[in-house]
Amino acid sequence: MFARIAPRYDTANRLLSGGTDIGWRRRLVAAVCSAQPRDVLDLATGSGDVALTLAQTLPSGTKVMGMDFCPPMLG
């Protein structure tokens, strides 16, 4: 199922959640940043939007890796 919707996943998530995904994602990134991790592993990263945001937000040198069981989601 995820392979079929991968190209539209982020848009579908935004629509189906009524935009609430934006708020929880911001809270998640803030919580992770406040912990000041040296390494982050985002399992079931989907399209990688959280991992990418963390990589852009955390200090340089922080290792951020995203992994997903569905390779098309990482595309």
N, C-alpha and C. Protein backbone atom coordinates (compact mmCIF):
# COMPACT_ATOMS: atom_id res chain seq x y z
N MET A 1 0.81 -1.19 0.00
CA MET A 1 0.00 0.00 0.00
C MET A 1 0.87 1.27 0.00
N PHE A 2 1.88 1.31 0.85
CA PHE A 2 2.71 2.51 0.92
C PHE A 2 3.46 2.75 -0.39
N ALA A 3 3.87 1.69 -1.06
CA ALA A 3 4.58 1.84 -2.33
C ALA A 3 3.68 2.54 -3.35
N ARG A 4 2.40 2.20 -3.34
CA ARG A 4 1.47 2.80 -4.31
C ARG A 4 1.24 4.29 -4.03
N ILE A 5 1.20 4.68 -2.77
CA ILE A 5 0.89 6.08 -2.46
C ILE A 5 2.13 6.93 -2.19
N ALA A 6 3.31 6.34 -2.29
CA ALA A 6 4.54 7.06 -1.94
C ALA A 6 4.65 8.44 -2.59
N PRO A 7 4.37 8.58 -3.90
CA PRO A 7 4.52 9.91 -4.51
C PRO A 7 3.55 10.96 -3.95
N ARG A 8 2.45 10.51 -3.37
CA ARG A 8 1.43 11.44 -2.86
C ARG A 8 1.32 11.41 -1.34
N TYR A 9 2.21 10.72 -0.67
CA TYR A 9 2.08 10.48 0.76
C TYR A 9 2.00 11.77 1.58
N ASP A 10 2.93 12.68 1.38
CA ASP A 10 2.94 13.90 2.19
C ASP A 10 1.67 14.73 1.98
N THR A 11 1.24 14.85 0.74
CA THR A 11 0.01 15.59 0.45
C THR A 11 -1.20 14.91 1.08
N ALA A 12 -1.28 13.60 0.93
CA ALA A 12 -2.40 12.86 1.52
C ALA A 12 -2.40 12.98 3.04
N ASN A 13 -1.23 12.90 3.65
CA ASN A 13 -1.12 13.03 5.10
C ASN A 13 -1.62 14.39 5.55
N ARG A 14 -1.23 15.42 4.84
CA ARG A 14 -1.64 16.78 5.20
C ARG A 14 -3.16 16.94 5.09
N LEU A 15 -3.72 16.43 4.01
CA LEU A 15 -5.16 16.53 3.80
C LEU A 15 -5.95 15.70 4.81
N LEU A 16 -5.54 14.45 4.99
CA LEU A 16 -6.27 13.55 5.88
C LEU A 16 -6.19 13.95 7.35
N SER A 17 -5.10 14.60 7.72
CA SER A 17 -4.95 15.03 9.11
C SER A 17 -5.49 16.44 9.33
N GLY A 18 -5.96 17.06 8.28
CA GLY A 18 -6.44 18.43 8.41
C GLY A 18 -5.34 19.41 8.77
N GLY A 19 -4.11 19.06 8.42
CA GLY A 19 -2.97 19.93 8.71
C GLY A 19 -2.38 19.76 10.10
N THR A 20 -2.97 18.88 10.92
CA THR A 20 -2.44 18.71 12.28
C THR A 20 -1.06 18.07 12.28
N ASP A 21 -0.70 17.40 11.17
CA ASP A 21 0.62 16.79 11.09
C ASP A 21 1.72 17.84 11.18
N ILE A 22 1.45 19.04 10.73
CA ILE A 22 2.44 20.12 10.77
C ILE A 22 2.78 20.45 12.22
N GLY A 23 1.77 20.56 13.06
CA GLY A 23 1.99 20.89 14.48
C GLY A 23 2.72 19.82 15.24
N TRP A 24 2.32 18.54 15.05
CA TRP A 24 3.01 17.49 15.82
C TRP A 24 4.44 17.33 15.33
N ARG A 25 4.67 17.59 14.03
CA ARG A 25 6.03 17.50 13.50
C ARG A 25 6.91 18.59 14.11
N ARG A 26 6.38 19.79 14.24
CA ARG A 26 7.14 20.89 14.87
C ARG A 26 7.46 20.56 16.32
N ARG A 27 6.47 20.01 17.05
CA ARG A 27 6.70 19.66 18.46
C ARG A 27 7.74 18.55 18.58
N LEU A 28 7.69 17.59 17.67
CA LEU A 28 8.67 16.50 17.68
C LEU A 28 10.08 17.04 17.45
N VAL A 29 10.24 17.88 16.44
CA VAL A 29 11.56 18.45 16.13
C VAL A 29 12.06 19.27 17.31
N ALA A 30 11.20 20.06 17.92
CA ALA A 30 11.61 20.87 19.09
C ALA A 30 12.06 19.99 20.24
N ALA A 31 11.32 18.90 20.49
CA ALA A 31 11.68 18.00 21.59
C ALA A 31 13.02 17.32 21.34
N VAL A 32 13.24 16.88 20.11
CA VAL A 32 14.51 16.22 19.77
C VAL A 32 15.65 17.23 19.88
N CYS A 33 15.45 18.43 19.37
CA CYS A 33 16.51 19.44 19.44
C CYS A 33 16.85 19.82 20.88
N SER A 34 15.84 19.87 21.75
CA SER A 34 16.12 20.22 23.14
C SER A 34 16.92 19.15 23.85
N ALA A 35 16.86 17.92 23.35
CA ALA A 35 17.65 16.83 23.94
C ALA A 35 19.09 16.87 23.48
N GLN A 36 19.39 17.63 22.45
CA GLN A 36 20.74 17.79 21.90
C GLN A 36 21.44 16.45 21.62
N PRO A 37 20.81 15.59 20.83
CA PRO A 37 21.42 14.29 20.55
C PRO A 37 22.63 14.42 19.63
N ARG A 38 23.51 13.46 19.71
CA ARG A 38 24.64 13.40 18.78
C ARG A 38 24.27 12.56 17.57
N ASP A 39 23.35 11.62 17.75
CA ASP A 39 22.89 10.74 16.68
C ASP A 39 21.37 10.62 16.76
N VAL A 40 20.73 10.57 15.59
CA VAL A 40 19.28 10.40 15.52
C VAL A 40 18.97 9.33 14.48
N LEU A 41 18.11 8.39 14.83
CA LEU A 41 17.63 7.38 13.89
C LEU A 41 16.12 7.53 13.80
N ASP A 42 15.63 7.87 12.62
CA ASP A 42 14.20 8.02 12.38
C ASP A 42 13.71 6.76 11.68
N LEU A 43 13.14 5.83 12.45
CA LEU A 43 12.62 4.59 11.89
C LEU A 43 11.24 4.83 11.30
N ALA A 44 10.94 4.14 10.21
CA ALA A 44 9.69 4.35 9.48
C ALA A 44 9.59 5.81 9.08
N THR A 45 10.68 6.32 8.52
CA THR A 45 10.80 7.74 8.19
C THR A 45 9.86 8.20 7.09
N GLY A 46 9.29 7.26 6.34
CA GLY A 46 8.39 7.64 5.26
C GLY A 46 9.13 8.44 4.21
N SER A 47 8.66 9.63 3.94
CA SER A 47 9.31 10.47 2.93
C SER A 47 10.56 11.17 3.47
N GLY A 48 10.81 11.01 4.75
CA GLY A 48 12.02 11.58 5.36
C GLY A 48 11.88 13.02 5.79
N ASP A 49 10.66 13.56 5.80
CA ASP A 49 10.52 14.97 6.12
C ASP A 49 10.99 15.32 7.54
N VAL A 50 10.75 14.44 8.50
CA VAL A 50 11.23 14.70 9.87
C VAL A 50 12.75 14.62 9.92
N ALA A 51 13.32 13.58 9.33
CA ALA A 51 14.78 13.41 9.33
C ALA A 51 15.46 14.59 8.63
N LEU A 52 14.91 15.03 7.52
CA LEU A 52 15.50 16.17 6.80
C LEU A 52 15.41 17.45 7.62
N THR A 53 14.28 17.67 8.27
CA THR A 53 14.12 18.86 9.11
C THR A 53 15.10 18.82 10.28
N LEU A 54 15.25 17.64 10.88
CA LEU A 54 16.21 17.51 11.98
C LEU A 54 17.63 17.77 11.49
N ALA A 55 17.98 17.23 10.34
CA ALA A 55 19.33 17.43 9.81
C ALA A 55 19.61 18.92 9.55
N GLN A 56 18.57 19.66 9.17
CA GLN A 56 18.74 21.10 8.91
C GLN A 56 18.72 21.92 10.19
N THR A 57 18.11 21.39 11.26
CA THR A 57 17.90 22.15 12.48
C THR A 57 18.95 21.87 13.55
N LEU A 58 19.36 20.62 13.67
CA LEU A 58 20.35 20.24 14.69
C LEU A 58 21.73 20.80 14.34
N PRO A 59 22.59 20.94 15.33
CA PRO A 59 23.92 21.47 15.07
C PRO A 59 24.71 20.62 14.06
N SER A 60 25.57 21.28 13.35
CA SER A 60 26.44 20.59 12.40
C SER A 60 27.20 19.48 13.12
N GLY A 61 27.33 18.35 12.49
CA GLY A 61 28.03 17.23 13.09
C GLY A 61 27.09 16.21 13.71
N THR A 62 25.81 16.57 13.88
CA THR A 62 24.83 15.61 14.38
C THR A 62 24.49 14.65 13.25
N LYS A 63 24.61 13.37 13.52
CA LYS A 63 24.31 12.36 12.51
C LYS A 63 22.82 12.03 12.54
N VAL A 64 22.12 12.24 11.42
CA VAL A 64 20.70 11.94 11.31
C VAL A 64 20.52 10.91 10.20
N MET A 65 19.85 9.81 10.53
CA MET A 65 19.62 8.76 9.55
C MET A 65 18.14 8.40 9.56
N GLY A 66 17.55 8.26 8.38
CA GLY A 66 16.18 7.82 8.25
C GLY A 66 16.14 6.47 7.56
N MET A 67 15.31 5.57 8.08
CA MET A 67 15.15 4.24 7.49
C MET A 67 13.67 3.91 7.36
N ASP A 68 13.32 3.23 6.29
CA ASP A 68 11.93 2.84 6.09
C ASP A 68 11.90 1.45 5.43
N PHE A 69 10.87 0.66 5.76
CA PHE A 69 10.74 -0.67 5.21
C PHE A 69 10.27 -0.65 3.75
N CYS A 70 9.80 0.50 3.29
CA CYS A 70 9.24 0.63 1.94
C CYS A 70 10.13 1.53 1.10
N PRO A 71 11.04 0.97 0.30
CA PRO A 71 11.98 1.78 -0.47
C PRO A 71 11.33 2.88 -1.32
N PRO A 72 10.17 2.69 -1.94
CA PRO A 72 9.59 3.80 -2.71
C PRO A 72 9.27 5.05 -1.87
N MET A 73 9.05 4.87 -0.57
CA MET A 73 8.81 6.03 0.29
C MET A 73 10.05 6.92 0.39
N LEU A 74 11.21 6.33 0.24
CA LEU A 74 12.45 7.08 0.36
C LEU A 74 12.83 7.81 -0.92
N GLY A 75 12.11 7.50 -2.00
CA GLY A 75 12.41 8.03 -3.33
C GLY A 75 12.43 9.49 -3.40
